[in-house]
Amino acid sequence: MRILITNDDGVDAPGIAIMRKIAQSISDDVWIVAPDGNQSGAGHRFTLGRELSFDQREPQVFAVVGGSPADCVVAGYTHLLKDRAPDLVLSGVNQGQNLGDIINCSGTAAGAREGTMQGSLSIAMSQAVDYQAGSDVVWDNAIQHGAAVVRAIVAQAQGLDTYYNVNFPLCAPTEVSGIEVVPHQRFSRSAFQYYASDNVGKFFIAIPETPMPLERTHDFEVLHKDSAITVTPLSLMQTDMGTVGRLQGKLVL
């Protein structure tokens, strides 16, 4: 199995080193193509009209200077690995959970999405952190359970219109309750808001609070309350087919 790894925290982030070990436990043909710096929140942005370049760090490890996760997957897939496409694209392991509607702006999710659009089974993986405590990231669950989760998804995946979003809970590996396949949480409103800075006239776009209410059976609550590894299958087909059927013949000039 040929595996392509990317992320949005950057090629030097600790999570990508963990993902590399996960991939190497599955295959001896592992490639890394990742941004040279942090691209968190980049979503599926492409760098169009501006030149990019590779910075080769070691054999089969490349940084894309100024590139996004989507740029990296395209460059890896259609140039570096053009002789034989990867069988699997892994994106992450992200520093921090990617849950609910956050997947729509997540560079980690976008790396997997682009991998599936290119034609490979793709999995985004994130390790939950306690943002309020501000403590160091504990990667134990990604390290201990990551390879098993990848193997389980690979064994069950069907078709190439679906990519997978995986989150590891913040608990001891022995306290993980299992793997739960769950929907992502649709928030009641966007999680992003204006957030005032201490510097006069400046502000941030941030997530000051989680929109409520939350569905008990969806990714956010299952990850945090059940200490389960959450797996959310996501479809490339975004058309609301029910609305297509309902509106056909009803929108007229």
C-alpha atoms as a PDB file:
ATOM      1  CA  MET A   1       0.000   0.000   0.000  1.00  0.00           C
ATOM      2  CA  ARG A   2       1.337   3.425  -0.982  1.00  0.00           C
ATOM      3  CA  ILE A   3       0.434   6.092   1.585  1.00  0.00           C
ATOM      4  CA  LEU A   4       0.529   9.881   1.201  1.00  0.00           C
ATOM      5  CA  ILE A   5       0.491  11.975   4.397  1.00  0.00           C
ATOM      6  CA  THR A   6      -0.349  15.647   4.756  1.00  0.00           C
ATOM      7  CA  ASN A   7      -1.580  17.932   7.551  1.00  0.00           C
ATOM      8  CA  ASP A   8      -2.447  21.559   8.299  1.00  0.00           C
ATOM      9  CA  ASP A   9      -0.209  22.110  11.344  1.00  0.00           C
ATOM     10  CA  GLY A  10       2.920  22.034   9.184  1.00  0.00           C
ATOM     11  CA  VAL A  11       5.570  19.527   8.194  1.00  0.00           C
ATOM     12  CA  ASP A  12       7.446  19.967  11.494  1.00  0.00           C
ATOM     13  CA  ALA A  13       4.387  19.510  13.741  1.00  0.00           C
ATOM     14  CA  PRO A  14       4.514  16.632  16.253  1.00  0.00           C
ATOM     15  CA  GLY A  15       1.245  15.192  14.954  1.00  0.00           C
ATOM     16  CA  ILE A  16       2.656  14.462  11.521  1.00  0.00           C
ATOM     17  CA  ALA A  17       5.513  12.499  13.074  1.00  0.00           C
ATOM     18  CA  ILE A  18       2.888  10.382  14.858  1.00  0.00           C
ATOM     19  CA  MET A  19       0.973   9.914  11.606  1.00  0.00           C
ATOM     20  CA  ARG A  20       4.188   8.810   9.951  1.00  0.00           C
ATOM     21  CA  LYS A  21       4.648   6.071  12.561  1.00  0.00           C
ATOM     22  CA  ILE A  22       1.032   5.004  12.080  1.00  0.00           C
ATOM     23  CA  ALA A  23       1.564   4.776   8.319  1.00  0.00           C
ATOM     24  CA  GLN A  24       4.905   2.968   8.649  1.00  0.00           C
ATOM     25  CA  SER A  25       3.260   0.292  10.781  1.00  0.00           C
ATOM     26  CA  ILE A  26       0.997  -0.394   7.796  1.00  0.00           C
ATOM     27  CA  SER A  27       3.319   0.125   4.814  1.00  0.00           C
ATOM     28  CA  ASP A  28       6.949   0.683   3.873  1.00  0.00           C
ATOM     29  CA  ASP A  29       5.963   3.049   1.032  1.00  0.00           C
ATOM     30  CA  VAL A  30       5.125   6.256   2.906  1.00  0.00           C
ATOM     31  CA  TRP A  31       5.378   9.786   1.527  1.00  0.00           C
ATOM     32  CA  ILE A  32       4.897  13.096   3.335  1.00  0.00           C
ATOM     33  CA  VAL A  33       3.896  16.279   1.496  1.00  0.00           C
ATOM     34  CA  ALA A  34       2.831  18.971   3.947  1.00  0.00           C
ATOM     35  CA  PRO A  35       2.796  22.777   4.339  1.00  0.00           C
ATOM     36  CA  ASP A  36       6.016  24.381   5.493  1.00  0.00           C
ATOM     37  CA  GLY A  37       4.081  26.233   8.210  1.00  0.00           C
ATOM     38  CA  ASN A  38       0.793  26.289  10.072  1.00  0.00           C
ATOM     39  CA  GLN A  39      -2.280  26.291   7.822  1.00  0.00           C
ATOM     40  CA  SER A  40      -4.957  25.669  10.444  1.00  0.00           C
ATOM     41  CA  GLY A  41      -8.366  26.865   9.291  1.00  0.00           C
ATOM     42  CA  ALA A  42      -7.238  27.038   5.667  1.00  0.00           C
ATOM     43  CA  GLY A  43     -10.052  24.740   4.618  1.00  0.00           C
ATOM     44  CA  HIS A  44      -9.908  23.629   0.989  1.00  0.00           C
ATOM     45  CA  ARG A  45      -8.081  26.738  -0.176  1.00  0.00           C
ATOM     46  CA  PHE A  46      -5.860  26.419  -3.234  1.00  0.00           C
ATOM     47  CA  THR A  47      -2.963  28.748  -3.926  1.00  0.00           C
ATOM     48  CA  LEU A  48      -3.819  29.956  -7.422  1.00  0.00           C
ATOM     49  CA  GLY A  49      -1.785  32.453  -9.425  1.00  0.00           C
ATOM     50  CA  ARG A  50       1.189  32.339  -7.050  1.00  0.00           C
ATOM     51  CA  GLU A  51       4.210  30.103  -7.478  1.00  0.00           C
ATOM     52  CA  LEU A  52       4.907  27.358  -4.955  1.00  0.00           C
ATOM     53  CA  SER A  53       8.010  25.260  -4.404  1.00  0.00           C
ATOM     54  CA  PHE A  54       9.125  22.038  -2.740  1.00  0.00           C
ATOM     55  CA  ASP A  55      11.572  21.942   0.138  1.00  0.00           C
ATOM     56  CA  GLN A  56      12.783  18.338   0.353  1.00  0.00           C
ATOM     57  CA  ARG A  57      13.584  17.527   3.975  1.00  0.00           C
ATOM     58  CA  GLU A  58      14.617  13.896   3.489  1.00  0.00           C
ATOM     59  CA  PRO A  59      13.800  11.042   1.100  1.00  0.00           C
ATOM     60  CA  GLN A  60      10.038  10.981   0.502  1.00  0.00           C
ATOM     61  CA  VAL A  61       9.441  13.972   2.793  1.00  0.00           C
ATOM     62  CA  PHE A  62       8.589  17.324   1.214  1.00  0.00           C
ATOM     63  CA  ALA A  63       7.370  20.678   2.490  1.00  0.00           C
ATOM     64  CA  VAL A  64       5.391  22.880   0.133  1.00  0.00           C
ATOM     65  CA  VAL A  65       6.551  26.432   0.784  1.00  0.00           C
ATOM     66  CA  GLY A  66       3.501  28.633   1.362  1.00  0.00           C
ATOM     67  CA  GLY A  67       1.126  25.860   0.341  1.00  0.00           C
ATOM     68  CA  SER A  68      -2.161  24.708   1.834  1.00  0.00           C
ATOM     69  CA  PRO A  69      -3.062  21.083   2.668  1.00  0.00           C
ATOM     70  CA  ALA A  70      -5.073  20.869  -0.564  1.00  0.00           C
ATOM     71  CA  ASP A  71      -2.070  22.213  -2.523  1.00  0.00           C
ATOM     72  CA  CYS A  72       0.098  19.532  -0.923  1.00  0.00           C
ATOM     73  CA  VAL A  73      -2.198  16.656  -1.826  1.00  0.00           C
ATOM     74  CA  VAL A  74      -2.478  17.849  -5.431  1.00  0.00           C
ATOM     75  CA  ALA A  75       1.287  18.329  -5.779  1.00  0.00           C
ATOM     76  CA  GLY A  76       2.029  14.986  -4.185  1.00  0.00           C
ATOM     77  CA  TYR A  77      -0.653  13.092  -6.051  1.00  0.00           C
ATOM     78  CA  THR A  78      -0.193  14.523  -9.540  1.00  0.00           C
ATOM     79  CA  HIS A  79       3.567  15.172  -9.551  1.00  0.00           C
ATOM     80  CA  LEU A  80       5.668  13.393  -6.941  1.00  0.00           C
ATOM     81  CA  LEU A  81       3.590  10.208  -7.084  1.00  0.00           C
ATOM     82  CA  LYS A  82       2.394  10.453 -10.674  1.00  0.00           C
ATOM     83  CA  ASP A  83       4.070   7.119 -11.499  1.00  0.00           C
ATOM     84  CA  ARG A  84       1.690   5.341  -9.113  1.00  0.00           C
ATOM     85  CA  ALA A  85      -1.068   7.044  -7.178  1.00  0.00           C
ATOM     86  CA  PRO A  86      -1.336   6.525  -3.414  1.00  0.00           C
ATOM     87  CA  ASP A  87      -3.793   3.917  -2.214  1.00  0.00           C
ATOM     88  CA  LEU A  88      -4.416   5.875   0.982  1.00  0.00           C
ATOM     89  CA  VAL A  89      -4.189   9.543   1.984  1.00  0.00           C
ATOM     90  CA  LEU A  90      -3.840  10.325   5.701  1.00  0.00           C
ATOM     91  CA  SER A  91      -4.262  13.893   6.964  1.00  0.00           C
ATOM     92  CA  GLY A  92      -3.093  14.838  10.469  1.00  0.00           C
ATOM     93  CA  VAL A  93      -2.732  13.945  13.222  1.00  0.00           C
ATOM     94  CA  ASN A  94      -4.180  17.361  13.990  1.00  0.00           C
ATOM     95  CA  GLN A  95      -3.422  19.129  17.246  1.00  0.00           C
ATOM     96  CA  GLY A  96      -6.985  19.590  18.469  1.00  0.00           C
ATOM     97  CA  GLN A  97     -10.339  18.054  17.678  1.00  0.00           C
ATOM     98  CA  ASN A  98     -12.154  18.661  14.400  1.00  0.00           C
ATOM     99  CA  LEU A  99     -15.824  18.264  15.230  1.00  0.00           C
ATOM    100  CA  GLY A 100     -19.210  19.445  14.048  1.00  0.00           C
ATOM    101  CA  ASP A 101     -19.343  22.205  11.466  1.00  0.00           C
ATOM    102  CA  ILE A 102     -15.648  22.925  12.061  1.00  0.00           C
ATOM    103  CA  ILE A 103     -14.930  20.264   9.433  1.00  0.00           C
ATOM    104  CA  ASN A 104     -16.036  22.776   6.790  1.00  0.00           C
ATOM    105  CA  CYS A 105     -13.038  25.037   7.469  1.00  0.00           C
ATOM    106  CA  SER A 106     -10.576  22.412   8.690  1.00  0.00           C
ATOM    107  CA  GLY A 107      -7.402  22.085   6.666  1.00  0.00           C
ATOM    108  CA  THR A 108      -7.035  18.588   8.096  1.00  0.00           C
ATOM    109  CA  ALA A 109     -10.413  17.544   6.717  1.00  0.00           C
ATOM    110  CA  ALA A 110      -9.622  19.260   3.417  1.00  0.00           C
ATOM    111  CA  GLY A 111      -6.466  17.197   3.005  1.00  0.00           C
ATOM    112  CA  ALA A 112      -8.544  14.034   3.205  1.00  0.00           C
ATOM    113  CA  ARG A 113     -11.309  15.496   1.043  1.00  0.00           C
ATOM    114  CA  GLU A 114      -8.852  16.349  -1.733  1.00  0.00           C
ATOM    115  CA  GLY A 115      -7.315  12.887  -1.465  1.00  0.00           C
ATOM    116  CA  THR A 116     -10.714  11.347  -2.099  1.00  0.00           C
ATOM    117  CA  MET A 117     -11.401  13.780  -4.932  1.00  0.00           C
ATOM    118  CA  GLN A 118      -8.131  12.650  -6.518  1.00  0.00           C
ATOM    119  CA  GLY A 119      -9.253   9.031  -6.233  1.00  0.00           C
ATOM    120  CA  SER A 120      -7.850   7.541  -3.014  1.00  0.00           C
ATOM    121  CA  LEU A 121      -9.387   6.349   0.216  1.00  0.00           C
ATOM    122  CA  SER A 122      -8.651   9.181   2.648  1.00  0.00           C
ATOM    123  CA  ILE A 123      -8.805   9.649   6.410  1.00  0.00           C
ATOM    124  CA  ALA A 124      -8.428  12.813   8.509  1.00  0.00           C
ATOM    125  CA  MET A 125      -7.292  12.253  12.101  1.00  0.00           C
ATOM    126  CA  SER A 126      -7.290  14.633  15.076  1.00  0.00           C
ATOM    127  CA  GLN A 127      -6.311  14.366  18.731  1.00  0.00           C
ATOM    128  CA  ALA A 128      -8.624  16.137  21.183  1.00  0.00           C
ATOM    129  CA  VAL A 129      -7.144  18.727  23.533  1.00  0.00           C
ATOM    130  CA  ASP A 130      -8.483  20.714  26.485  1.00  0.00           C
ATOM    131  CA  TYR A 131      -8.411  24.267  25.167  1.00  0.00           C
ATOM    132  CA  GLN A 132      -9.597  25.742  28.464  1.00  0.00           C
ATOM    133  CA  ALA A 133      -6.844  24.106  30.507  1.00  0.00           C
ATOM    134  CA  GLY A 134      -4.225  25.180  27.996  1.00  0.00           C
ATOM    135  CA  SER A 135      -2.139  22.099  28.787  1.00  0.00           C
ATOM    136  CA  ASP A 136       0.241  20.263  26.489  1.00  0.00           C
ATOM    137  CA  VAL A 137      -1.243  17.912  23.919  1.00  0.00           C
ATOM    138  CA  VAL A 138      -1.407  14.297  25.072  1.00  0.00           C
ATOM    139  CA  TRP A 139      -1.025  12.158  21.972  1.00  0.00           C
ATOM    140  CA  ASP A 140      -1.354   8.749  23.668  1.00  0.00           C
ATOM    141  CA  ASN A 141      -4.607   7.691  22.027  1.00  0.00           C
ATOM    142  CA  ALA A 142      -3.521   8.643  18.521  1.00  0.00           C
ATOM    143  CA  ILE A 143      -0.261   6.775  19.091  1.00  0.00           C
ATOM    144  CA  GLN A 144      -1.796   3.648  20.577  1.00  0.00           C
ATOM    145  CA  HIS A 145      -4.998   3.351  18.544  1.00  0.00           C
ATOM    146  CA  GLY A 146      -4.242   5.171  15.286  1.00  0.00           C
ATOM    147  CA  ALA A 147      -3.050   2.228  13.218  1.00  0.00           C
ATOM    148  CA  ALA A 148      -5.926   0.011  14.356  1.00  0.00           C
ATOM    149  CA  VAL A 149      -8.465   2.683  13.371  1.00  0.00           C
ATOM    150  CA  VAL A 150      -6.896   3.069   9.925  1.00  0.00           C
ATOM    151  CA  ARG A 151      -6.899  -0.696   9.361  1.00  0.00           C
ATOM    152  CA  ALA A 152     -10.522  -0.959  10.483  1.00  0.00           C
ATOM    153  CA  ILE A 153     -11.669   1.778   8.095  1.00  0.00           C
ATOM    154  CA  VAL A 154      -9.636   0.373   5.196  1.00  0.00           C
ATOM    155  CA  ALA A 155     -11.192  -3.070   5.770  1.00  0.00           C
ATOM    156  CA  GLN A 156     -14.759  -1.715   5.689  1.00  0.00           C
ATOM    157  CA  ALA A 157     -14.592   1.198   3.228  1.00  0.00           C
ATOM    158  CA  GLN A 158     -16.600   0.908   0.022  1.00  0.00           C
ATOM    159  CA  GLY A 159     -16.556   3.204  -2.987  1.00  0.00           C
ATOM    160  CA  LEU A 160     -14.540   6.372  -3.480  1.00  0.00           C
ATOM    161  CA  ASP A 161     -17.139   9.060  -2.798  1.00  0.00           C
ATOM    162  CA  THR A 162     -16.569   9.027   0.972  1.00  0.00           C
ATOM    163  CA  TYR A 163     -13.777  10.286   3.205  1.00  0.00           C
ATOM    164  CA  TYR A 164     -13.499   9.795   6.951  1.00  0.00           C
ATOM    165  CA  ASN A 165     -13.055  12.183   9.862  1.00  0.00           C
ATOM    166  CA  VAL A 166     -11.556  10.577  12.985  1.00  0.00           C
ATOM    167  CA  ASN A 167     -11.164  12.130  16.439  1.00  0.00           C
ATOM    168  CA  PHE A 168      -9.303  10.602  19.393  1.00  0.00           C
ATOM    169  CA  PRO A 169     -10.628  11.439  22.868  1.00  0.00           C
ATOM    170  CA  LEU A 170      -8.683  13.114  25.657  1.00  0.00           C
ATOM    171  CA  CYS A 171      -8.347  10.285  28.174  1.00  0.00           C
ATOM    172  CA  ALA A 172      -6.019   7.435  29.034  1.00  0.00           C
ATOM    173  CA  PRO A 173      -5.786   4.817  26.258  1.00  0.00           C
ATOM    174  CA  THR A 174      -7.213   2.212  28.636  1.00  0.00           C
ATOM    175  CA  GLU A 175     -10.302   4.408  29.135  1.00  0.00           C
ATOM    176  CA  VAL A 176     -11.232   4.553  25.443  1.00  0.00           C
ATOM    177  CA  SER A 177     -14.683   2.999  25.173  1.00  0.00           C
ATOM    178  CA  GLY A 178     -14.288   1.912  21.547  1.00  0.00           C
ATOM    179  CA  ILE A 179     -14.907   3.244  18.057  1.00  0.00           C
ATOM    180  CA  GLU A 180     -18.243   4.914  17.334  1.00  0.00           C
ATOM    181  CA  VAL A 181     -19.432   5.768  13.820  1.00  0.00           C
ATOM    182  CA  VAL A 182     -21.418   8.977  14.263  1.00  0.00           C
ATOM    183  CA  PRO A 183     -22.794  11.986  12.352  1.00  0.00           C
ATOM    184  CA  HIS A 184     -21.070  15.315  12.732  1.00  0.00           C
ATOM    185  CA  GLN A 185     -22.790  17.935  14.883  1.00  0.00           C
ATOM    186  CA  ARG A 186     -24.722  20.582  12.985  1.00  0.00           C
ATOM    187  CA  PHE A 187     -24.454  23.668  15.141  1.00  0.00           C
ATOM    188  CA  SER A 188     -27.418  25.993  15.626  1.00  0.00           C
ATOM    189  CA  ARG A 189     -25.267  28.815  14.251  1.00  0.00           C
ATOM    190  CA  SER A 190     -21.718  29.298  13.061  1.00  0.00           C
ATOM    191  CA  ALA A 191     -19.188  28.647  15.810  1.00  0.00           C
ATOM    192  CA  PHE A 192     -17.045  31.583  14.643  1.00  0.00           C
ATOM    193  CA  GLN A 193     -17.451  35.065  16.057  1.00  0.00           C
ATOM    194  CA  TYR A 194     -15.776  38.439  16.375  1.00  0.00           C
ATOM    195  CA  TYR A 195     -13.483  38.349  19.414  1.00  0.00           C
ATOM    196  CA  ALA A 196     -12.028  41.581  20.770  1.00  0.00           C
ATOM    197  CA  SER A 197      -8.277  41.882  21.241  1.00  0.00           C
ATOM    198  CA  ASP A 198      -6.542  43.569  24.168  1.00  0.00           C
ATOM    199  CA  ASN A 199      -4.940  45.800  21.542  1.00  0.00           C
ATOM    200  CA  VAL A 200      -7.113  48.813  20.791  1.00  0.00           C
ATOM    201  CA  GLY A 201      -8.780  48.644  17.373  1.00  0.00           C
ATOM    202  CA  LYS A 202      -7.791  45.006  16.803  1.00  0.00           C
ATOM    203  CA  PHE A 203      -9.843  41.821  16.904  1.00  0.00           C
ATOM    204  CA  PHE A 204      -9.739  38.111  16.195  1.00  0.00           C
ATOM    205  CA  ILE A 205     -12.066  35.678  14.458  1.00  0.00           C
ATOM    206  CA  ALA A 206     -12.340  32.896  17.008  1.00  0.00           C
ATOM    207  CA  ILE A 207     -14.564  30.275  18.642  1.00  0.00           C
ATOM    208  CA  PRO A 208     -15.307  31.756  22.070  1.00  0.00           C
ATOM    209  CA  GLU A 209     -17.965  29.165  22.891  1.00  0.00           C
ATOM    210  CA  THR A 210     -19.576  26.051  21.474  1.00  0.00           C
ATOM    211  CA  PRO A 211     -23.036  26.711  19.974  1.00  0.00           C
ATOM    212  CA  MET A 212     -25.794  24.890  21.821  1.00  0.00           C
ATOM    213  CA  PRO A 213     -27.725  22.608  21.944  1.00  0.00           C
ATOM    214  CA  LEU A 214     -25.706  19.488  21.108  1.00  0.00           C
ATOM    215  CA  GLU A 215     -27.027  16.120  19.974  1.00  0.00           C
ATOM    216  CA  ARG A 216     -26.049  13.374  22.399  1.00  0.00           C
ATOM    217  CA  THR A 217     -25.471  10.863  19.577  1.00  0.00           C
ATOM    218  CA  HIS A 218     -23.274  13.106  17.382  1.00  0.00           C
ATOM    219  CA  ASP A 219     -19.499  13.462  17.255  1.00  0.00           C
ATOM    220  CA  PHE A 220     -19.043  16.308  19.750  1.00  0.00           C
ATOM    221  CA  GLU A 221     -20.813  14.648  22.688  1.00  0.00           C
ATOM    222  CA  VAL A 222     -19.744  11.081  21.907  1.00  0.00           C
ATOM    223  CA  LEU A 223     -16.075  12.088  21.832  1.00  0.00           C
ATOM    224  CA  HIS A 224     -16.158  14.118  25.042  1.00  0.00           C
ATOM    225  CA  LYS A 225     -18.728  12.271  27.160  1.00  0.00           C
ATOM    226  CA  ASP A 226     -18.233   8.664  26.078  1.00  0.00           C
ATOM    227  CA  SER A 227     -14.435   8.785  25.597  1.00  0.00           C
ATOM    228  CA  ALA A 228     -14.958   7.065  22.251  1.00  0.00           C
ATOM    229  CA  ILE A 229     -12.919   7.360  19.084  1.00  0.00           C
ATOM    230  CA  THR A 230     -15.374   8.970  16.665  1.00  0.00           C
ATOM    231  CA  VAL A 231     -15.455   8.135  12.966  1.00  0.00           C
ATOM    232  CA  THR A 232     -17.633  10.278  10.706  1.00  0.00           C
ATOM    233  CA  PRO A 233     -18.034   9.244   7.047  1.00  0.00           C
ATOM    234  CA  LEU A 234     -18.366  12.340   4.858  1.00  0.00           C
ATOM    235  CA  SER A 235     -19.619  12.409   1.281  1.00  0.00           C
ATOM    236  CA  LEU A 236     -18.188  14.372  -1.624  1.00  0.00           C
ATOM    237  CA  MET A 237     -21.717  14.658  -3.023  1.00  0.00           C
ATOM    238  CA  GLN A 238     -23.040  17.822  -1.378  1.00  0.00           C
ATOM    239  CA  THR A 239     -26.207  18.262  -3.417  1.00  0.00           C
ATOM    240  CA  ASP A 240     -29.408  18.165  -1.362  1.00  0.00           C
ATOM    241  CA  MET A 241     -31.184  15.619  -3.559  1.00  0.00           C
ATOM    242  CA  GLY A 242     -34.422  15.929  -1.597  1.00  0.00           C
ATOM    243  CA  THR A 243     -34.591  19.629  -2.418  1.00  0.00           C
ATOM    244  CA  VAL A 244     -33.674  18.924  -6.045  1.00  0.00           C
ATOM    245  CA  GLY A 245     -36.709  16.639  -6.298  1.00  0.00           C
ATOM    246  CA  ARG A 246     -38.960  19.066  -4.440  1.00  0.00           C
ATOM    247  CA  LEU A 247     -38.038  22.073  -6.580  1.00  0.00           C
ATOM    248  CA  GLN A 248     -37.859  20.452 -10.008  1.00  0.00           C
ATOM    249  CA  GLY A 249     -40.418  22.144 -12.239  1.00  0.00           C
ATOM    250  CA  LYS A 250     -41.343  24.690  -9.569  1.00  0.00           C
ATOM    251  CA  LEU A 251     -38.764  27.390 -10.235  1.00  0.00           C
ATOM    252  CA  VAL A 252     -39.935  29.139 -13.365  1.00  0.00           C
ATOM    253  CA  LEU A 253     -39.280  32.481 -15.046  1.00  0.00           C
END
